Amino acid sequence: MESSWLLRAACVVMVMTASVSGCNRGLYEGVIDKLCLAKFHFDMGSVDRGLWCSWPDTSEIYEGLTNCTYQVALRMDCFWPDQIVDRFFVEIHRKYFHDCAPTGRLIHDPSAKVLAPFIGVPVLVTLLVTALVVWRSKHTEGVL
């Protein structure tokens, strides 16, 4: 536990000294890895692996990670979001959320009640237009 406190103190000192001279991208990447990612790993470790795709169970942890990267960027005078943050979150998603649906919900087919109109209406319109064209081609009196 003492080493964790010492690591956080060292990160705070690095952030404070870096803000004087502008954004040091290498240091910024190191700090978000050591500070933000470590906390995220710890917090996600307390969530059952089967719940990683459940947005209600992980949203607070994910928001904390996002806020952490933002706060570090502010204090180090770095742009946020940038390529470092993009790569950082892509890696997070590869490790923790690669099996999840993009919406955060399980994917399932819509019910027949919803699906039937989306199939039936275009088929009926196609048949109606075809019948209209055939009927009109047989009755061309006075059109030409």
Protein backbone atom coordinates (compact mmCIF):
# COMPACT_ATOMS: atom_id res chain seq x y z
CA MET A 1 0.00 0.00 0.00
CA GLU A 2 2.90 2.36 0.76
CA SER A 3 4.40 1.85 -2.71
CA SER A 4 1.03 2.82 -4.25
CA TRP A 5 1.02 6.07 -2.30
CA LEU A 6 4.64 6.72 -3.27
CA LEU A 7 3.84 6.10 -6.95
CA ARG A 8 0.93 8.55 -6.82
CA ALA A 9 3.08 11.18 -5.12
CA ALA A 10 5.76 10.78 -7.78
CA CYS A 11 3.13 11.16 -10.51
CA VAL A 12 1.79 14.32 -8.89
CA VAL A 13 5.31 15.79 -8.74
CA MET A 14 5.90 14.90 -12.41
CA VAL A 15 2.59 16.48 -13.40
CA MET A 16 3.34 19.66 -11.46
CA THR A 17 6.83 20.07 -12.93
CA ALA A 18 5.65 19.24 -16.45
CA SER A 19 2.95 21.93 -16.40
CA VAL A 20 5.61 24.64 -16.16
CA SER A 21 7.23 23.73 -19.49
CA GLY A 22 4.19 22.66 -21.57
CA CYS A 23 3.14 19.23 -22.74
CA ASN A 24 5.73 16.49 -22.61
CA ARG A 25 3.93 13.78 -24.60
CA GLY A 26 6.12 10.93 -23.37
CA LEU A 27 5.65 11.93 -19.76
CA TYR A 28 1.92 12.44 -20.32
CA GLU A 29 1.60 8.93 -21.73
CA GLY A 30 3.56 7.52 -18.81
CA VAL A 31 1.48 9.33 -16.21
CA ILE A 32 -1.88 8.23 -17.62
CA ASP A 33 -0.54 4.67 -17.80
CA LYS A 34 0.77 4.69 -14.22
CA LEU A 35 -1.99 6.72 -12.61
CA CYS A 36 -5.22 6.32 -14.62
CA LEU A 37 -4.71 2.85 -16.06
CA ALA A 38 -3.58 1.40 -12.72
CA LYS A 39 -6.76 2.66 -11.02
CA PHE A 40 -8.90 1.39 -13.91
CA HIS A 41 -7.29 -2.09 -13.72
CA PHE A 42 -7.88 -2.16 -9.98
CA ASP A 43 -11.53 -1.04 -10.29
CA MET A 44 -12.31 -3.44 -13.16
CA GLY A 45 -10.77 -6.25 -11.11
CA SER A 46 -13.54 -5.78 -8.57
CA VAL A 47 -16.23 -6.24 -11.26
CA ASP A 48 -17.16 -9.77 -12.31
CA ARG A 49 -15.80 -10.48 -15.82
CA GLY A 50 -19.31 -11.41 -16.99
CA LEU A 51 -20.47 -7.86 -16.19
CA TRP A 52 -17.76 -6.03 -18.16
CA CYS A 53 -20.20 -5.53 -21.06
CA SER A 54 -22.90 -4.19 -18.75
CA TRP A 55 -22.82 -0.40 -19.07
CA PRO A 56 -24.63 0.23 -15.75
CA ASP A 57 -21.95 -1.82 -13.95
CA THR A 58 -18.92 -0.23 -15.65
CA SER A 59 -19.99 3.31 -16.55
CA GLU A 60 -18.77 4.88 -13.31
CA ILE A 61 -15.36 3.21 -13.65
CA TYR A 62 -15.11 4.22 -17.32
CA GLU A 63 -16.11 7.81 -16.55
CA GLY A 64 -13.46 7.89 -13.82
CA LEU A 65 -10.84 6.77 -16.35
CA THR A 66 -11.97 9.40 -18.85
CA ASN A 67 -11.91 12.11 -16.19
CA CYS A 68 -8.47 11.01 -15.01
CA THR A 69 -6.95 11.32 -18.51
CA TYR A 70 -8.62 14.71 -18.90
CA GLN A 71 -7.39 16.04 -15.54
CA VAL A 72 -3.83 14.86 -16.22
CA ALA A 73 -3.94 16.53 -19.66
CA LEU A 74 -5.13 19.79 -18.11
CA ARG A 75 -2.39 19.82 -15.48
CA MET A 76 0.32 18.92 -17.99
CA ASP A 77 -0.92 21.50 -20.52
CA CYS A 78 -1.66 18.82 -23.12
CA PHE A 79 -4.49 18.70 -25.62
CA TRP A 80 -7.35 16.38 -24.79
CA PRO A 81 -8.36 14.22 -26.54
CA ASP A 82 -5.36 13.56 -28.73
CA GLN A 83 -3.65 10.59 -30.39
CA ILE A 84 -2.22 9.37 -27.10
CA VAL A 85 -5.66 9.30 -25.49
CA ASP A 86 -7.17 7.67 -28.59
CA ARG A 87 -4.58 4.87 -28.54
CA PHE A 88 -4.97 4.55 -24.78
CA PHE A 89 -8.74 3.99 -25.04
CA VAL A 90 -8.41 1.67 -28.04
CA GLU A 91 -6.13 -0.53 -25.93
CA ILE A 92 -8.61 -0.39 -23.04
CA HIS A 93 -11.39 -1.51 -25.39
CA ARG A 94 -9.25 -4.28 -26.87
CA LYS A 95 -8.53 -5.67 -23.44
CA TYR A 96 -11.82 -5.21 -21.60
CA PHE A 97 -14.63 -4.62 -24.09
CA HIS A 98 -13.66 -6.56 -27.24
CA ASP A 99 -16.60 -8.99 -26.87
CA CYS A 100 -19.20 -6.31 -26.16
CA ALA A 101 -21.84 -5.04 -28.57
CA PRO A 102 -21.24 -1.45 -29.79
CA THR A 103 -24.40 -0.25 -28.03
CA GLY A 104 -23.50 -1.88 -24.73
CA ARG A 105 -26.52 -4.18 -25.04
CA LEU A 106 -26.80 -7.74 -26.22
CA ILE A 107 -27.61 -8.03 -29.92
CA HIS A 108 -30.84 -9.84 -30.81
CA ASP A 109 -33.16 -10.03 -33.81
CA PRO A 110 -36.22 -7.79 -33.76
CA SER A 111 -39.60 -9.40 -33.20
CA ALA A 112 -41.72 -10.51 -36.17
CA LYS A 113 -44.15 -7.70 -35.31
CA VAL A 114 -41.42 -5.13 -36.07
CA LEU A 115 -39.74 -7.02 -38.90
CA ALA A 116 -42.89 -7.84 -40.94
CA PRO A 117 -43.70 -4.26 -42.03
CA PHE A 118 -40.08 -3.64 -43.08
CA ILE A 119 -40.25 -6.68 -45.35
CA GLY A 120 -43.91 -6.61 -46.40
CA VAL A 121 -44.28 -2.95 -47.40
CA PRO A 122 -41.40 -2.88 -49.94
CA VAL A 123 -42.57 -6.18 -51.46
CA LEU A 124 -46.15 -4.87 -51.85
CA VAL A 125 -44.95 -1.54 -53.28
CA THR A 126 -42.75 -3.39 -55.80
CA LEU A 127 -45.68 -5.58 -56.89
CA LEU A 128 -48.00 -2.57 -57.11
CA VAL A 129 -45.56 -0.55 -59.24
CA THR A 130 -44.93 -3.56 -61.51
CA ALA A 131 -48.68 -4.08 -62.00
CA LEU A 132 -49.15 -0.37 -62.70
CA VAL A 133 -46.39 -0.38 -65.34
CA VAL A 134 -47.82 -3.48 -67.04
CA TRP A 135 -51.37 -2.08 -66.97
CA ARG A 136 -50.21 1.30 -68.29
CA SER A 137 -48.22 -0.32 -71.12
CA LYS A 138 -51.36 -2.16 -72.30
CA HIS A 139 -53.49 1.00 -72.23
CA THR A 140 -51.47 3.57 -74.20
CA GLU A 141 -54.40 5.14 -76.11
CA GLY A 142 -54.04 8.88 -76.46
CA VAL A 143 -50.78 9.13 -74.54
CA LEU A 144 -48.44 9.25 -77.59
